[in-house]
């Protein structure tokens, strides 16, 4: 038969479980940490094309004018006058620096499209919701 060894729980100061002081320190640190600050981004040079299979390819240049890339972004591309919508989640690691180009594609549900709009938003956490942090760029299909 096996041997079962029971050890008492490690106790911290004055009979509190060990780690309580670490939890208090973590709580104090979170209370004194800096509040979340949204970045500011300038979008420019939007480009959109639709291929023969009704797939919309888009890109837009971005430049951080305040702050640096964080963790949670959403590029929203809309096509006024249609029900087409693209919500592209962008993780901070996907932004190679404070300037670059975001590219993607979506299948269109409704054609033709004549114009488009793009805006970038940021969230401290995705569950907290996104706040627009860029200008809105627009364009017309050629």
N, C-alpha and C. Protein backbone atom coordinates (compact mmCIF):
# COMPACT_ATOMS: atom_id res chain seq x y z
N UNK A 1 0.84 -1.18 0.00
CA UNK A 1 0.00 0.00 0.00
C UNK A 1 0.88 1.23 0.00
N UNK A 2 0.34 2.33 -0.52
CA UNK A 2 1.10 3.57 -0.60
C UNK A 2 1.08 4.32 0.71
N UNK A 3 1.95 5.26 0.81
CA UNK A 3 2.07 6.08 2.01
C UNK A 3 1.50 7.45 1.70
N UNK A 4 0.54 7.92 2.47
CA UNK A 4 -0.09 9.22 2.28
C UNK A 4 0.48 10.17 3.31
N UNK A 5 1.07 11.26 2.83
CA UNK A 5 1.67 12.24 3.74
C UNK A 5 0.84 13.51 3.66
N UNK A 6 0.38 14.02 4.77
CA UNK A 6 -0.36 15.27 4.83
C UNK A 6 0.51 16.31 5.49
N UNK A 7 0.63 17.45 4.83
CA UNK A 7 1.40 18.56 5.39
C UNK A 7 0.47 19.72 5.65
N UNK A 8 0.69 20.47 6.71
CA UNK A 8 -0.15 21.64 6.95
C UNK A 8 0.12 22.69 5.88
N UNK A 9 -0.91 23.49 5.56
CA UNK A 9 -0.74 24.59 4.62
C UNK A 9 0.27 25.58 5.16
N UNK A 10 1.07 26.10 4.26
CA UNK A 10 2.03 27.13 4.69
C UNK A 10 1.24 28.35 5.15
N UNK A 11 1.64 28.91 6.24
CA UNK A 11 0.92 30.06 6.77
C UNK A 11 1.80 31.29 6.69
N UNK A 12 1.18 32.40 6.37
CA UNK A 12 1.89 33.67 6.33
C UNK A 12 1.88 34.29 7.70
N UNK A 13 2.09 35.58 7.74
CA UNK A 13 2.12 36.31 9.01
C UNK A 13 0.77 36.22 9.71
N UNK A 14 0.79 36.09 10.98
CA UNK A 14 -0.37 36.13 11.85
C UNK A 14 -1.48 35.19 11.40
N UNK A 15 -1.10 34.00 10.94
CA UNK A 15 -2.10 32.99 10.63
C UNK A 15 -2.80 33.14 9.30
N UNK A 16 -2.42 34.12 8.47
CA UNK A 16 -3.02 34.25 7.15
C UNK A 16 -2.32 33.30 6.18
N UNK A 17 -3.05 32.76 5.24
CA UNK A 17 -2.42 31.87 4.26
C UNK A 17 -1.30 32.60 3.53
N UNK A 18 -0.24 31.84 3.23
CA UNK A 18 0.89 32.43 2.49
C UNK A 18 0.37 32.96 1.16
N UNK A 19 0.92 34.04 0.71
CA UNK A 19 0.51 34.63 -0.56
C UNK A 19 -0.45 35.79 -0.39
N UNK A 20 -1.04 35.93 0.79
CA UNK A 20 -1.98 37.03 1.00
C UNK A 20 -1.28 38.37 0.80
N UNK A 21 -0.04 38.49 1.29
CA UNK A 21 0.68 39.74 1.12
C UNK A 21 0.99 39.99 -0.36
N UNK A 22 1.18 38.93 -1.13
CA UNK A 22 1.41 39.10 -2.57
C UNK A 22 0.14 39.59 -3.25
N UNK A 23 -1.01 39.07 -2.82
CA UNK A 23 -2.27 39.53 -3.41
C UNK A 23 -2.51 40.99 -3.08
N UNK A 24 -2.22 41.38 -1.84
CA UNK A 24 -2.38 42.78 -1.45
C UNK A 24 -1.45 43.67 -2.25
N UNK A 25 -0.22 43.22 -2.45
CA UNK A 25 0.74 44.01 -3.23
C UNK A 25 0.28 44.15 -4.67
N UNK A 26 -0.26 43.07 -5.24
CA UNK A 26 -0.74 43.13 -6.63
C UNK A 26 -1.93 44.07 -6.74
N UNK A 27 -2.83 44.03 -5.74
CA UNK A 27 -3.97 44.93 -5.73
C UNK A 27 -3.51 46.37 -5.62
N UNK A 28 -2.56 46.64 -4.74
CA UNK A 28 -2.04 48.00 -4.58
C UNK A 28 -1.37 48.47 -5.86
N UNK A 29 -0.64 47.57 -6.52
CA UNK A 29 0.03 47.94 -7.76
C UNK A 29 -0.99 48.28 -8.83
N UNK A 30 -2.07 47.48 -8.96
CA UNK A 30 -3.06 47.76 -9.99
C UNK A 30 -3.79 49.07 -9.71
N UNK A 31 -3.94 49.42 -8.44
CA UNK A 31 -4.60 50.68 -8.09
C UNK A 31 -3.71 51.87 -8.40
N UNK A 32 -2.39 51.68 -8.39
CA UNK A 32 -1.49 52.80 -8.65
C UNK A 32 -0.96 52.80 -10.08
N UNK A 33 -1.29 51.77 -10.89
CA UNK A 33 -0.81 51.74 -12.27
C UNK A 33 -1.51 52.84 -13.08
N UNK A 34 -0.88 53.20 -14.17
CA UNK A 34 -1.40 54.28 -15.00
C UNK A 34 -2.72 53.86 -15.65
N UNK A 35 -3.65 54.80 -15.78
CA UNK A 35 -4.90 54.47 -16.47
C UNK A 35 -4.62 54.21 -17.96
N UNK A 36 -5.47 53.44 -18.58
CA UNK A 36 -5.31 53.11 -19.99
C UNK A 36 -5.45 54.38 -20.83
N UNK A 37 -4.53 54.57 -21.74
CA UNK A 37 -4.60 55.73 -22.64
C UNK A 37 -4.69 55.23 -24.07
N UNK A 38 -5.68 55.75 -24.78
CA UNK A 38 -5.85 55.37 -26.18
C UNK A 38 -4.80 56.06 -27.03
N UNK A 39 -4.35 55.37 -28.05
CA UNK A 39 -3.43 55.95 -29.02
C UNK A 39 -4.23 56.83 -29.99
N UNK A 40 -3.52 57.58 -30.81
CA UNK A 40 -4.14 58.32 -31.91
C UNK A 40 -3.43 57.89 -33.18
N UNK A 41 -4.21 57.54 -34.19
CA UNK A 41 -3.67 57.01 -35.44
C UNK A 41 -4.21 57.81 -36.61
N UNK A 42 -3.34 58.08 -37.56
CA UNK A 42 -3.74 58.74 -38.80
C UNK A 42 -3.80 57.68 -39.90
N UNK A 43 -4.96 57.55 -40.52
CA UNK A 43 -5.11 56.65 -41.66
C UNK A 43 -4.98 57.45 -42.95
N UNK A 44 -4.38 56.83 -43.97
CA UNK A 44 -4.23 57.51 -45.26
C UNK A 44 -4.11 56.47 -46.37
N UNK A 45 -4.17 56.95 -47.58
CA UNK A 45 -3.99 56.13 -48.79
C UNK A 45 -4.85 54.87 -48.80
N UNK A 46 -6.16 55.00 -48.58
CA UNK A 46 -6.99 53.80 -48.65
C UNK A 46 -7.09 53.32 -50.10
N UNK A 47 -7.17 52.03 -50.27
CA UNK A 47 -7.34 51.45 -51.60
C UNK A 47 -8.26 50.24 -51.49
N UNK A 48 -9.20 50.16 -52.41
CA UNK A 48 -10.16 49.06 -52.43
C UNK A 48 -10.34 48.61 -53.88
N UNK A 49 -10.36 47.31 -54.08
CA UNK A 49 -10.69 46.77 -55.40
C UNK A 49 -11.53 45.51 -55.20
N UNK A 50 -12.37 45.24 -56.18
CA UNK A 50 -13.23 44.06 -56.14
C UNK A 50 -12.85 43.18 -57.33
N UNK A 51 -12.61 41.90 -57.05
CA UNK A 51 -12.25 41.00 -58.15
C UNK A 51 -13.50 40.40 -58.78
N UNK A 52 -13.30 39.57 -59.80
CA UNK A 52 -14.43 39.00 -60.55
C UNK A 52 -15.26 38.02 -59.72
N UNK A 53 -14.76 37.58 -58.58
CA UNK A 53 -15.52 36.68 -57.70
C UNK A 53 -16.19 37.43 -56.55
N UNK A 54 -16.31 38.75 -56.68
CA UNK A 54 -16.92 39.61 -55.66
C UNK A 54 -16.22 39.53 -54.31
N UNK A 55 -14.90 39.40 -54.35
CA UNK A 55 -14.08 39.50 -53.14
C UNK A 55 -13.49 40.90 -53.13
N UNK A 56 -13.67 41.58 -52.01
CA UNK A 56 -13.17 42.95 -51.85
C UNK A 56 -11.81 42.91 -51.16
N UNK A 57 -10.81 43.44 -51.84
CA UNK A 57 -9.45 43.53 -51.29
C UNK A 57 -9.24 44.98 -50.88
N UNK A 58 -8.78 45.19 -49.65
CA UNK A 58 -8.59 46.56 -49.18
C UNK A 58 -7.27 46.70 -48.45
N UNK A 59 -6.79 47.94 -48.43
CA UNK A 59 -5.60 48.27 -47.64
C UNK A 59 -5.68 49.73 -47.24
N UNK A 60 -4.99 50.05 -46.16
CA UNK A 60 -4.93 51.43 -45.68
C UNK A 60 -3.61 51.60 -44.92
N UNK A 61 -2.98 52.74 -45.11
CA UNK A 61 -1.75 53.06 -44.40
C UNK A 61 -2.12 53.62 -43.03
N UNK A 62 -1.33 53.28 -42.01
CA UNK A 62 -1.55 53.82 -40.67
C UNK A 62 -0.26 54.43 -40.14
N UNK A 63 -0.43 55.42 -39.27
CA UNK A 63 0.71 56.05 -38.60
C UNK A 63 0.25 56.48 -37.21
N UNK A 64 0.94 55.98 -36.18
CA UNK A 64 0.63 56.39 -34.81
C UNK A 64 1.18 57.79 -34.61
N UNK A 65 0.30 58.73 -34.27
CA UNK A 65 0.73 60.11 -34.02
C UNK A 65 0.78 60.40 -32.53
N UNK A 66 0.18 59.52 -31.72
CA UNK A 66 0.26 59.62 -30.26
C UNK A 66 0.23 58.20 -29.72
N UNK A 67 1.19 57.88 -28.88
CA UNK A 67 1.26 56.54 -28.32
C UNK A 67 1.95 55.56 -29.26
N UNK A 68 1.99 54.33 -28.84
CA UNK A 68 2.60 53.26 -29.63
C UNK A 68 1.61 52.10 -29.71
N UNK A 69 1.86 51.15 -30.61
CA UNK A 69 0.91 50.04 -30.72
C UNK A 69 0.69 49.31 -29.40
N UNK A 70 -0.58 49.12 -29.07
CA UNK A 70 -0.96 48.38 -27.88
C UNK A 70 -1.29 46.95 -28.24
N UNK A 71 -2.41 46.44 -27.72
CA UNK A 71 -2.72 45.03 -27.93
C UNK A 71 -3.97 44.75 -28.75
N UNK A 72 -5.02 45.58 -28.65
CA UNK A 72 -6.31 45.22 -29.23
C UNK A 72 -6.84 46.33 -30.14
N UNK A 73 -6.96 46.02 -31.43
CA UNK A 73 -7.46 46.98 -32.41
C UNK A 73 -8.53 46.33 -33.26
N UNK A 74 -9.34 47.18 -33.92
CA UNK A 74 -10.35 46.71 -34.85
C UNK A 74 -10.40 47.70 -36.01
N UNK A 75 -10.16 47.19 -37.21
CA UNK A 75 -10.33 48.00 -38.41
C UNK A 75 -11.73 47.72 -38.94
N UNK A 76 -12.52 48.77 -39.05
CA UNK A 76 -13.89 48.64 -39.55
C UNK A 76 -13.95 49.22 -40.95
N UNK A 77 -14.41 48.41 -41.88
CA UNK A 77 -14.59 48.85 -43.27
C UNK A 77 -16.07 48.71 -43.59
N UNK A 78 -16.68 49.83 -43.97
CA UNK A 78 -18.10 49.82 -44.34
C UNK A 78 -18.24 50.28 -45.78
N UNK A 79 -19.36 49.94 -46.36
CA UNK A 79 -19.66 50.27 -47.74
C UNK A 79 -21.05 50.90 -47.77
N UNK A 80 -21.13 52.24 -47.60
CA UNK A 80 -22.44 52.90 -47.52
C UNK A 80 -23.36 52.50 -48.67
N UNK A 81 -24.63 52.32 -48.33
CA UNK A 81 -25.62 51.92 -49.31
C UNK A 81 -25.73 50.41 -49.48
N UNK A 82 -24.90 49.65 -48.74
CA UNK A 82 -24.97 48.18 -48.80
C UNK A 82 -24.95 47.64 -47.37
N UNK A 83 -25.16 46.34 -47.26
CA UNK A 83 -25.08 45.69 -45.96
C UNK A 83 -23.71 45.09 -45.70
N UNK A 84 -22.76 45.29 -46.62
CA UNK A 84 -21.41 44.76 -46.45
C UNK A 84 -20.72 45.43 -45.28
N UNK A 85 -20.03 44.64 -44.50
CA UNK A 85 -19.31 45.14 -43.33
C UNK A 85 -18.13 44.23 -43.06
N UNK A 86 -16.99 44.84 -42.78
CA UNK A 86 -15.81 44.06 -42.39
C UNK A 86 -15.31 44.58 -41.05
N UNK A 87 -15.23 43.70 -40.07
CA UNK A 87 -14.64 44.01 -38.77
C UNK A 87 -13.38 43.16 -38.67
N UNK A 88 -12.23 43.79 -38.86
CA UNK A 88 -10.96 43.05 -38.86
C UNK A 88 -10.25 43.27 -37.54
N UNK A 89 -10.23 42.25 -36.66
CA UNK A 89 -9.45 42.37 -35.43
C UNK A 89 -7.96 42.41 -35.78
N UNK A 90 -7.24 43.28 -35.10
CA UNK A 90 -5.80 43.42 -35.33
C UNK A 90 -5.11 43.38 -33.97
N UNK A 91 -4.25 42.40 -33.77
CA UNK A 91 -3.47 42.31 -32.53
C UNK A 91 -2.25 43.21 -32.65
N UNK A 92 -1.80 43.74 -31.53
CA UNK A 92 -0.65 44.63 -31.54
C UNK A 92 0.57 44.05 -32.23
N UNK A 93 0.79 42.74 -32.08
CA UNK A 93 1.97 42.12 -32.70
C UNK A 93 1.87 42.12 -34.22
N UNK A 94 0.66 42.33 -34.78
CA UNK A 94 0.49 42.38 -36.22
C UNK A 94 0.88 43.74 -36.80
N UNK A 95 1.12 44.71 -35.93
CA UNK A 95 1.54 46.04 -36.36
C UNK A 95 3.06 46.10 -36.21
N UNK A 96 3.80 46.08 -37.32
CA UNK A 96 5.26 45.98 -37.24
C UNK A 96 5.94 47.21 -36.67
N UNK A 97 5.24 48.27 -36.47
CA UNK A 97 5.83 49.49 -35.92
C UNK A 97 4.79 50.58 -35.87
N UNK A 98 5.24 51.80 -35.70
CA UNK A 98 4.30 52.91 -35.58
C UNK A 98 3.76 53.36 -36.94
N UNK A 99 4.28 52.80 -38.03
CA UNK A 99 3.76 53.07 -39.37
C UNK A 99 3.72 51.78 -40.15
N UNK A 100 2.74 51.66 -41.02
CA UNK A 100 2.66 50.46 -41.84
C UNK A 100 1.39 50.44 -42.66
N UNK A 101 1.04 49.26 -43.15
CA UNK A 101 -0.14 49.07 -43.99
C UNK A 101 -0.94 47.89 -43.47
N UNK A 102 -2.24 48.08 -43.33
CA UNK A 102 -3.16 47.00 -42.98
C UNK A 102 -3.83 46.54 -44.27
N UNK A 103 -3.84 45.22 -44.51
CA UNK A 103 -4.44 44.66 -45.72
C UNK A 103 -5.29 43.46 -45.36
N UNK A 104 -6.36 43.26 -46.12
CA UNK A 104 -7.18 42.07 -45.95
C UNK A 104 -8.18 42.00 -47.10
N UNK A 105 -9.05 41.00 -47.04
CA UNK A 105 -10.10 40.87 -48.04
C UNK A 105 -11.34 40.28 -47.38
N UNK A 106 -12.50 40.55 -48.01
CA UNK A 106 -13.75 39.97 -47.54
C UNK A 106 -14.60 39.62 -48.76
N UNK A 107 -15.40 38.57 -48.65
CA UNK A 107 -16.37 38.31 -49.71
C UNK A 107 -17.54 39.28 -49.54
N UNK A 108 -17.97 39.87 -50.62
CA UNK A 108 -19.08 40.82 -50.55
C UNK A 108 -20.41 40.08 -50.58
N UNK A 109 -21.34 40.55 -49.78
CA UNK A 109 -22.68 39.97 -49.74
C UNK A 109 -23.60 40.67 -50.73
N UNK A 110 -23.26 41.93 -51.04
CA UNK A 110 -24.13 42.74 -51.87
C UNK A 110 -23.26 43.57 -52.80
N UNK A 111 -23.55 43.54 -54.09
CA UNK A 111 -22.82 44.35 -55.06
C UNK A 111 -23.83 45.11 -55.91
N UNK A 112 -23.46 46.15 -56.56
CA UNK A 112 -22.11 46.71 -56.58
C UNK A 112 -21.87 47.62 -55.38
N UNK A 113 -20.61 47.91 -55.12
CA UNK A 113 -20.27 48.92 -54.12
C UNK A 113 -19.74 50.13 -54.87
N UNK A 114 -20.08 51.30 -54.36
CA UNK A 114 -19.65 52.53 -55.03
C UNK A 114 -18.71 53.36 -54.16
N UNK A 115 -18.77 53.15 -52.85
CA UNK A 115 -17.90 53.90 -51.94
C UNK A 115 -17.59 53.06 -50.71
N UNK A 116 -16.61 53.54 -49.93
CA UNK A 116 -16.19 52.81 -48.73
C UNK A 116 -15.71 53.79 -47.68
N UNK A 117 -15.69 53.31 -46.43
CA UNK A 117 -15.17 54.06 -45.28
C UNK A 117 -14.36 53.12 -44.41
N UNK A 118 -13.28 53.64 -43.81
CA UNK A 118 -12.46 52.84 -42.90
C UNK A 118 -12.14 53.67 -41.66
N UNK A 119 -12.15 53.00 -40.51
CA UNK A 119 -11.77 53.64 -39.25
C UNK A 119 -11.12 52.58 -38.36
N UNK A 120 -10.14 53.00 -37.56
CA UNK A 120 -9.45 52.10 -36.64
C UNK A 120 -9.88 52.43 -35.22
N UNK A 121 -10.16 51.39 -34.44
CA UNK A 121 -10.53 51.59 -33.04
C UNK A 121 -9.63 50.72 -32.16
N UNK A 122 -9.62 51.04 -30.87
CA UNK A 122 -8.75 50.36 -29.91
C UNK A 122 -9.56 50.01 -28.67
N UNK A 123 -9.15 48.94 -27.98
CA UNK A 123 -9.79 48.54 -26.73
C UNK A 123 -8.72 48.17 -25.72
N UNK A 124 -8.97 48.51 -24.46
CA UNK A 124 -8.08 48.04 -23.40
C UNK A 124 -8.16 46.52 -23.35
N UNK A 125 -9.39 46.01 -23.41
CA UNK A 125 -9.65 44.58 -23.59
C UNK A 125 -10.83 44.49 -24.55
N UNK A 126 -10.89 43.48 -25.40
CA UNK A 126 -12.01 43.37 -26.34
C UNK A 126 -13.37 43.36 -25.66
N UNK A 127 -13.46 42.78 -24.47
CA UNK A 127 -14.73 42.73 -23.75
C UNK A 127 -15.20 44.11 -23.31
N UNK A 128 -14.27 45.07 -23.19
CA UNK A 128 -14.63 46.42 -22.75
C UNK A 128 -15.18 47.26 -23.89
N UNK A 129 -15.09 46.78 -25.12
CA UNK A 129 -15.57 47.53 -26.27
C UNK A 129 -14.48 48.40 -26.87
N UNK A 130 -14.69 48.79 -28.10
CA UNK A 130 -13.69 49.55 -28.86
C UNK A 130 -14.08 51.01 -28.97
N UNK A 131 -13.06 51.88 -29.01
CA UNK A 131 -13.23 53.32 -29.17
C UNK A 131 -12.45 53.75 -30.41
N UNK A 132 -13.08 54.53 -31.28
CA UNK A 132 -12.39 55.02 -32.48
C UNK A 132 -11.19 55.86 -32.08
N UNK A 133 -10.04 55.59 -32.73
CA UNK A 133 -8.81 56.34 -32.43
C UNK A 133 -8.20 56.95 -33.68
N UNK A 134 -8.91 56.86 -34.80
CA UNK A 134 -8.35 57.39 -36.05
C UNK A 134 -9.35 58.28 -36.75
N UNK A 135 -8.84 58.95 -37.77
CA UNK A 135 -9.72 59.65 -38.68
C UNK A 135 -10.47 58.61 -39.51
N UNK A 136 -11.56 59.03 -40.14
CA UNK A 136 -12.31 58.16 -41.05
C UNK A 136 -11.83 58.48 -42.45
N UNK A 137 -11.34 57.45 -43.16
CA UNK A 137 -10.95 57.66 -44.56
C UNK A 137 -12.05 57.10 -45.45
N UNK A 138 -12.31 57.81 -46.53
CA UNK A 138 -13.37 57.41 -47.44
C UNK A 138 -12.84 57.40 -48.87
N UNK A 139 -13.56 56.75 -49.71
CA UNK A 139 -13.19 56.73 -51.12
C UNK A 139 -14.33 56.24 -51.97
N UNK A 140 -14.20 56.47 -53.26
CA UNK A 140 -15.20 56.00 -54.23
C UNK A 140 -14.54 54.97 -55.12
N UNK A 141 -15.32 53.99 -55.51
CA UNK A 141 -14.83 52.97 -56.42
C UNK A 141 -14.67 53.58 -57.81
N UNK A 142 -13.63 53.17 -58.50
CA UNK A 142 -13.38 53.71 -59.84
C UNK A 142 -13.94 52.78 -60.89
